[in-house]
Amino acid sequence: MVCTVCQTRTSPLWRRGDKGEVLCNACGLYHKHHKKPRPISLANSSARSSRRSNHQN
């Protein structure tokens, strides 16, 4: 599968747009919340990573 917005081939979840187009998870969520395609400047950014603290109780 290929996202019709950002052309990525990897996604944890594939979604459908209003017209049935295939969207990656990031583009699909952006479209759902903003009602417009995800900007290319965001589409090429890498995924966020989280940092775990080494805090112990």
PDB file of N, CA and C in Angstrom:
ATOM      1  N   MET A   1       0.834  -1.181   0.000  1.00  0.00           N
ATOM      2  CA  MET A   1       0.000   0.000   0.000  1.00  0.00           C
ATOM      3  C   MET A   1       0.879   1.245   0.000  1.00  0.00           C
ATOM      4  N   VAL A   2       0.353   2.310  -0.569  1.00  0.00           N
ATOM      5  CA  VAL A   2       1.061   3.588  -0.625  1.00  0.00           C
ATOM      6  C   VAL A   2       0.083   4.695  -0.241  1.00  0.00           C
ATOM      7  N   CYS A   3       0.502   5.566   0.664  1.00  0.00           N
ATOM      8  CA  CYS A   3      -0.334   6.698   1.069  1.00  0.00           C
ATOM      9  C   CYS A   3      -0.453   7.671  -0.099  1.00  0.00           C
ATOM     10  N   THR A   4      -1.666   8.124  -0.383  1.00  0.00           N
ATOM     11  CA  THR A   4      -1.874   9.038  -1.509  1.00  0.00           C
ATOM     12  C   THR A   4      -1.384  10.449  -1.215  1.00  0.00           C
ATOM     13  N   VAL A   5      -1.121  10.781   0.043  1.00  0.00           N
ATOM     14  CA  VAL A   5      -0.656  12.128   0.394  1.00  0.00           C
ATOM     15  C   VAL A   5       0.867  12.182   0.470  1.00  0.00           C
ATOM     16  N   CYS A   6       1.462  11.335   1.322  1.00  0.00           N
ATOM     17  CA  CYS A   6       2.908  11.428   1.560  1.00  0.00           C
ATOM     18  C   CYS A   6       3.722  10.352   0.844  1.00  0.00           C
ATOM     19  N   GLN A   7       3.057   9.413   0.192  1.00  0.00           N
ATOM     20  CA  GLN A   7       3.703   8.352  -0.584  1.00  0.00           C
ATOM     21  C   GLN A   7       4.487   7.348   0.259  1.00  0.00           C
ATOM     22  N   THR A   8       4.238   7.304   1.566  1.00  0.00           N
ATOM     23  CA  THR A   8       4.932   6.326   2.402  1.00  0.00           C
ATOM     24  C   THR A   8       4.382   4.932   2.129  1.00  0.00           C
ATOM     25  N   ARG A   9       5.212   3.946   2.370  1.00  0.00           N
ATOM     26  CA  ARG A   9       4.808   2.561   2.173  1.00  0.00           C
ATOM     27  C   ARG A   9       4.709   1.806   3.499  1.00  0.00           C
ATOM     28  N   THR A  10       5.067   2.471   4.596  1.00  0.00           N
ATOM     29  CA  THR A  10       4.999   1.830   5.907  1.00  0.00           C
ATOM     30  C   THR A  10       4.123   2.657   6.839  1.00  0.00           C
ATOM     31  N   SER A  11       3.252   1.985   7.555  1.00  0.00           N
ATOM     32  CA  SER A  11       2.377   2.638   8.522  1.00  0.00           C
ATOM     33  C   SER A  11       1.845   1.576   9.472  1.00  0.00           C
ATOM     34  N   PRO A  12       1.700   1.916  10.756  1.00  0.00           N
ATOM     35  CA  PRO A  12       1.139   0.934  11.683  1.00  0.00           C
ATOM     36  C   PRO A  12      -0.341   0.656  11.415  1.00  0.00           C
ATOM     37  N   LEU A  13      -1.013   1.598  10.753  1.00  0.00           N
ATOM     38  CA  LEU A  13      -2.432   1.455  10.465  1.00  0.00           C
ATOM     39  C   LEU A  13      -2.749   2.229   9.192  1.00  0.00           C
ATOM     40  N   TRP A  14      -3.532   1.638   8.310  1.00  0.00           N
ATOM     41  CA  TRP A  14      -3.949   2.303   7.077  1.00  0.00           C
ATOM     42  C   TRP A  14      -5.384   2.768   7.223  1.00  0.00           C
ATOM     43  N   ARG A  15      -5.674   3.946   6.723  1.00  0.00           N
ATOM     44  CA  ARG A  15      -7.004   4.533   6.829  1.00  0.00           C
ATOM     45  C   ARG A  15      -7.519   4.879   5.439  1.00  0.00           C
ATOM     46  N   ARG A  16      -8.796   5.203   5.363  1.00  0.00           N
ATOM     47  CA  ARG A  16      -9.418   5.633   4.111  1.00  0.00           C
ATOM     48  C   ARG A  16      -9.863   7.079   4.253  1.00  0.00           C
ATOM     49  N   GLY A  17      -9.677   7.865   3.187  1.00  0.00           N
ATOM     50  CA  GLY A  17     -10.147   9.245   3.172  1.00  0.00           C
ATOM     51  C   GLY A  17     -11.620   9.306   2.822  1.00  0.00           C
ATOM     52  N   ASP A  18     -12.143  10.517   2.701  1.00  0.00           N
ATOM     53  CA  ASP A  18     -13.560  10.721   2.386  1.00  0.00           C
ATOM     54  C   ASP A  18     -13.966  10.095   1.058  1.00  0.00           C
ATOM     55  N   LYS A  19     -13.041  10.078   0.114  1.00  0.00           N
ATOM     56  CA  LYS A  19     -13.340   9.550  -1.226  1.00  0.00           C
ATOM     57  C   LYS A  19     -12.813   8.134  -1.418  1.00  0.00           C
ATOM     58  N   GLY A  20     -12.402   7.496  -0.324  1.00  0.00           N
ATOM     59  CA  GLY A  20     -11.920   6.125  -0.399  1.00  0.00           C
ATOM     60  C   GLY A  20     -10.437   5.989  -0.666  1.00  0.00           C
ATOM     61  N   GLU A  21      -9.709   7.104  -0.702  1.00  0.00           N
ATOM     62  CA  GLU A  21      -8.275   7.030  -0.963  1.00  0.00           C
ATOM     63  C   GLU A  21      -7.543   6.430   0.235  1.00  0.00           C
ATOM     64  N   VAL A  22      -6.426   5.774  -0.022  1.00  0.00           N
ATOM     65  CA  VAL A  22      -5.630   5.126   1.015  1.00  0.00           C
ATOM     66  C   VAL A  22      -4.735   6.171   1.676  1.00  0.00           C
ATOM     67  N   LEU A  23      -4.789   6.227   3.011  1.00  0.00           N
ATOM     68  CA  LEU A  23      -3.974   7.168   3.776  1.00  0.00           C
ATOM     69  C   LEU A  23      -3.218   6.419   4.864  1.00  0.00           C
ATOM     70  N   CYS A  24      -1.979   6.842   5.120  1.00  0.00           N
ATOM     71  CA  CYS A  24      -1.250   6.274   6.251  1.00  0.00           C
ATOM     72  C   CYS A  24      -1.902   6.789   7.532  1.00  0.00           C
ATOM     73  N   ASN A  25      -1.513   6.255   8.653  1.00  0.00           N
ATOM     74  CA  ASN A  25      -2.117   6.641   9.920  1.00  0.00           C
ATOM     75  C   ASN A  25      -1.976   8.140  10.179  1.00  0.00           C
ATOM     76  N   ALA A  26      -0.784   8.696   9.991  1.00  0.00           N
ATOM     77  CA  ALA A  26      -0.549  10.114  10.268  1.00  0.00           C
ATOM     78  C   ALA A  26      -1.395  11.010   9.369  1.00  0.00           C
ATOM     79  N   CYS A  27      -1.423  10.731   8.086  1.00  0.00           N
ATOM     80  CA  CYS A  27      -2.213  11.542   7.153  1.00  0.00           C
ATOM     81  C   CYS A  27      -3.704  11.363   7.400  1.00  0.00           C
ATOM     82  N   GLY A  28      -4.114  10.158   7.753  1.00  0.00           N
ATOM     83  CA  GLY A  28      -5.519   9.898   8.039  1.00  0.00           C
ATOM     84  C   GLY A  28      -6.004  10.643   9.267  1.00  0.00           C
ATOM     85  N   LEU A  29      -5.194  10.663  10.316  1.00  0.00           N
ATOM     86  CA  LEU A  29      -5.568  11.388  11.529  1.00  0.00           C
ATOM     87  C   LEU A  29      -5.588  12.890  11.286  1.00  0.00           C
ATOM     88  N   TYR A  30      -4.611  13.390  10.530  1.00  0.00           N
ATOM     89  CA  TYR A  30      -4.582  14.822  10.214  1.00  0.00           C
ATOM     90  C   TYR A  30      -5.835  15.208   9.442  1.00  0.00           C
ATOM     91  N   HIS A  31      -6.191  14.408   8.457  1.00  0.00           N
ATOM     92  CA  HIS A  31      -7.378  14.686   7.646  1.00  0.00           C
ATOM     93  C   HIS A  31      -8.652  14.637   8.492  1.00  0.00           C
ATOM     94  N   LYS A  32      -8.714  13.705   9.408  1.00  0.00           N
ATOM     95  CA  LYS A  32      -9.887  13.564  10.275  1.00  0.00           C
ATOM     96  C   LYS A  32     -10.084  14.800  11.158  1.00  0.00           C
ATOM     97  N   HIS A  33      -8.999  15.356  11.668  1.00  0.00           N
ATOM     98  CA  HIS A  33      -9.095  16.489  12.589  1.00  0.00           C
ATOM     99  C   HIS A  33      -9.150  17.846  11.893  1.00  0.00           C
ATOM    100  N   HIS A  34      -8.494  17.982  10.738  1.00  0.00           N
ATOM    101  CA  HIS A  34      -8.393  19.281  10.070  1.00  0.00           C
ATOM    102  C   HIS A  34      -9.241  19.401   8.805  1.00  0.00           C
ATOM    103  N   LYS A  35      -9.803  18.295   8.349  1.00  0.00           N
ATOM    104  CA  LYS A  35     -10.650  18.276   7.143  1.00  0.00           C
ATOM    105  C   LYS A  35      -9.921  18.765   5.895  1.00  0.00           C
ATOM    106  N   LYS A  36      -8.616  18.530   5.847  1.00  0.00           N
ATOM    107  CA  LYS A  36      -7.818  18.855   4.666  1.00  0.00           C
ATOM    108  C   LYS A  36      -6.590  17.950   4.653  1.00  0.00           C
ATOM    109  N   PRO A  37      -5.939  17.804   3.500  1.00  0.00           N
ATOM    110  CA  PRO A  37      -4.762  16.925   3.418  1.00  0.00           C
ATOM    111  C   PRO A  37      -3.610  17.424   4.294  1.00  0.00           C
ATOM    112  N   ARG A  38      -2.831  16.509   4.759  1.00  0.00           N
ATOM    113  CA  ARG A  38      -1.660  16.825   5.576  1.00  0.00           C
ATOM    114  C   ARG A  38      -0.617  17.526   4.716  1.00  0.00           C
ATOM    115  N   PRO A  39      -0.052  18.658   5.188  1.00  0.00           N
ATOM    116  CA  PRO A  39       0.962  19.374   4.405  1.00  0.00           C
ATOM    117  C   PRO A  39       2.195  18.510   4.152  1.00  0.00           C
ATOM    118  N   ILE A  40       2.795  18.693   3.007  1.00  0.00           N
ATOM    119  CA  ILE A  40       3.991  17.921   2.644  1.00  0.00           C
ATOM    120  C   ILE A  40       5.115  18.166   3.645  1.00  0.00           C
ATOM    121  N   SER A  41       5.222  19.380   4.182  1.00  0.00           N
ATOM    122  CA  SER A  41       6.279  19.670   5.156  1.00  0.00           C
ATOM    123  C   SER A  41       6.156  18.781   6.392  1.00  0.00           C
ATOM    124  N   LEU A  42       4.944  18.435   6.778  1.00  0.00           N
ATOM    125  CA  LEU A  42       4.742  17.509   7.897  1.00  0.00           C
ATOM    126  C   LEU A  42       4.870  16.065   7.449  1.00  0.00           C
ATOM    127  N   ALA A  43       4.500  15.791   6.231  1.00  0.00           N
ATOM    128  CA  ALA A  43       4.510  14.418   5.727  1.00  0.00           C
ATOM    129  C   ALA A  43       5.918  13.845   5.663  1.00  0.00           C
ATOM    130  N   ASN A  44       6.910  14.674   5.465  1.00  0.00           N
ATOM    131  CA  ASN A  44       8.280  14.183   5.349  1.00  0.00           C
ATOM    132  C   ASN A  44       9.025  14.170   6.675  1.00  0.00           C
ATOM    133  N   SER A  45       8.398  14.661   7.741  1.00  0.00           N
ATOM    134  CA  SER A  45       9.070  14.664   9.036  1.00  0.00           C
ATOM    135  C   SER A  45       9.080  13.253   9.617  1.00  0.00           C
ATOM    136  N   SER A  46      10.070  12.981  10.433  1.00  0.00           N
ATOM    137  CA  SER A  46      10.169  11.646  11.019  1.00  0.00           C
ATOM    138  C   SER A  46       9.228  11.522  12.210  1.00  0.00           C
ATOM    139  N   ALA A  47       8.996  10.309  12.605  1.00  0.00           N
ATOM    140  CA  ALA A  47       8.098  10.041  13.726  1.00  0.00           C
ATOM    141  C   ALA A  47       8.726  10.520  15.025  1.00  0.00           C
ATOM    142  N   ARG A  48       7.885  10.939  15.935  1.00  0.00           N
ATOM    143  CA  ARG A  48       8.367  11.371  17.240  1.00  0.00           C
ATOM    144  C   ARG A  48       8.795  10.159  18.051  1.00  0.00           C
ATOM    145  N   SER A  49       9.784  10.349  18.881  1.00  0.00           N
ATOM    146  CA  SER A  49      10.168   9.286  19.797  1.00  0.00           C
ATOM    147  C   SER A  49      10.037   9.818  21.217  1.00  0.00           C
ATOM    148  N   SER A  50       9.749   8.944  22.113  1.00  0.00           N
ATOM    149  CA  SER A  50       9.593   9.364  23.503  1.00  0.00           C
ATOM    150  C   SER A  50      10.814   8.936  24.296  1.00  0.00           C
ATOM    151  N   ARG A  51      11.093   9.689  25.330  1.00  0.00           N
ATOM    152  CA  ARG A  51      12.216   9.356  26.201  1.00  0.00           C
ATOM    153  C   ARG A  51      11.667   8.856  27.522  1.00  0.00           C
ATOM    154  N   ARG A  52      12.186   7.762  27.951  1.00  0.00           N
ATOM    155  CA  ARG A  52      11.772   7.223  29.241  1.00  0.00           C
ATOM    156  C   ARG A  52      12.740   7.725  30.307  1.00  0.00           C
ATOM    157  N   SER A  53      12.187   8.125  31.422  1.00  0.00           N
ATOM    158  CA  SER A  53      13.046   8.545  32.524  1.00  0.00           C
ATOM    159  C   SER A  53      13.508   7.313  33.292  1.00  0.00           C
ATOM    160  N   ASN A  54      14.571   7.445  33.973  1.00  0.00           N
ATOM    161  CA  ASN A  54      15.117   6.346  34.758  1.00  0.00           C
ATOM    162  C   ASN A  54      14.716   6.512  36.219  1.00  0.00           C
ATOM    163  N   HIS A  55      13.548   7.090  36.448  1.00  0.00           N
ATOM    164  CA  HIS A  55      13.054   7.365  37.797  1.00  0.00           C
ATOM    165  C   HIS A  55      12.557   6.082  38.455  1.00  0.00           C
ATOM    166  N   GLN A  56      13.007   5.847  39.665  1.00  0.00           N
ATOM    167  CA  GLN A  56      12.562   4.674  40.411  1.00  0.00           C
ATOM    168  C   GLN A  56      11.862   5.125  41.677  1.00  0.00           C
ATOM    169  N   ASN A  57      10.801   4.450  42.044  1.00  0.00           N
ATOM    170  CA  ASN A  57      10.060   4.788  43.272  1.00  0.00           C
ATOM    171  C   ASN A  57      10.648   4.109  44.466  1.00  0.00           C
TER     172      ASN A  57
END
